[in-house]
Amino acid sequence: MPENAKPKTGKLKILIVLLYYHPHSTGLTHYVKMLAEELVCRGHEVTVIASCHSRELPLGEATLNGVRVIRLWAPIALSRGRIMPTYPWAIYRLLREHDVVNIHVPLLETALVAFLAGIAGVKIIPTHHGDLILPDNPINNMISKIMFAFYKYMAKRAPCIIGLSDDYADNSYYLLPFREKVRIIYPPMIIPEPDPVGVQRLRREWRRNGGPLIGYAGRFVQEKRPDLLIRSLDVINGTHPNARIVFAGDYDISYEGTWRRHQDLVEKYRSQLTFLGLIRDKQELANFYAACDVLVLPSDSDCFPLVQGEAMLCGTPVVMTDIAGGRVAVSITGMGKLAKAGDWRSIGETTLEVLADPARFSKPRDTIRDVFSFEETVNRYESIFYEHART
């Protein structure tokens, strides 16, 4: 080993790059938060650079659970993204200070980070959270083309790319051109055990005359197709006229018109719908999962929803559409069933099948935890970081 080479143990200075960080709440931000905090617990020095996405958050540097977080001024919103005028100077300074960079994509600054990392002499390890898919209109189509060009620039310079499943990597227009570089790591999944008292309270609050509770966890956006789940009530009501769908997550999204576009549908089934909004507390989220008889994710596209594994860890089976990446958790655990993508009748029929025989789709918590081992996920990240750390 060269005299100045990094050993395969010991502290690393790890820079994590993404657009939004905690308290912004999406699967991606939860993923990064869990990873960053565990790396800190293992003795590494972790810095996260992200946008200051809310006026309620302080600009500049703060420490959250041991993670150094740097939030940059982001005055301009562009679809899902933010423009950060000071980004080039801030990121270059941080690149020079760190041993390895983990960049979570899609991200507008992808190519810029790759270019400056090359100058700074530090390797970038991208984690791909899904191909960018925006509602079809001229502006979004232009954004998609630009983002893919930026991504390709970065991918050519990355020694490896972390993907969330082989299934998604084999079907991703982002990953396929670089398939030989892709290394698969399942996403981190941590959720407390449900509180039985809290679960029963929720079931009493939400149920209608003994009908089943059907959960949905995620944003009310086009790619996740919550409208198909609502339409599936036409099928479900034939067997369970008192069924109720409980939505956990943001629904009136500023950059999308999905919520407003489907108001007629929402009003038609209003008596069977409950919208909770975003659940930030993990214990409350665990209780939500456990209170539901089934979690249904009717997405048209979804790389690897963390909510699937979380629901399974709480004892709740999952109905997922048969799409690349999204179908992996159900396929490998057997704790649920796949429905045809884009077909509300299939979603309704599959949901009825799971509700009719829940014991068939039940697995012990330890079994699911072994499949989605948080320790193994972080071990693999740590190994890749050591392999490509600055020497």
Foldseek 3Di string as FASTA:
>chain_A
DDPPADDLDDEFEEEEEDADEPPPDDQVNVLVVLLQLVSVVSPYAYEYEYAPPDPVDDAAWDADNRYIYHHAYFPDDDQPGTDGVCPLVVLLVVLLVGFEYEYEDPDLCQQSNQVSNVVSVHAYEYEYFAQDDDPDDDSVVVVSVNSLVSLVNNLVRHQAYEAQDPLCLVVGPSNVVVVVRYDHFHTAADFDAADVVLLVVVLVVQFDPPFAEEEEEDEQADQQPPVLQLVLCVVQCVPGVRYAYEYEEHYPDPSGCRNVVCPVSCVVCVVRYHYDYHDSDRNNVLSVLLNGQEYEGQGNDGQAHSVQLSSLLNFHAYEYAPDGNPCVLCVVQVQAYYFHHPHSNRSNVRVVVCSVCVVSNTDHSVVSCVVNPNVVSSVVVSSVSSVRTRD
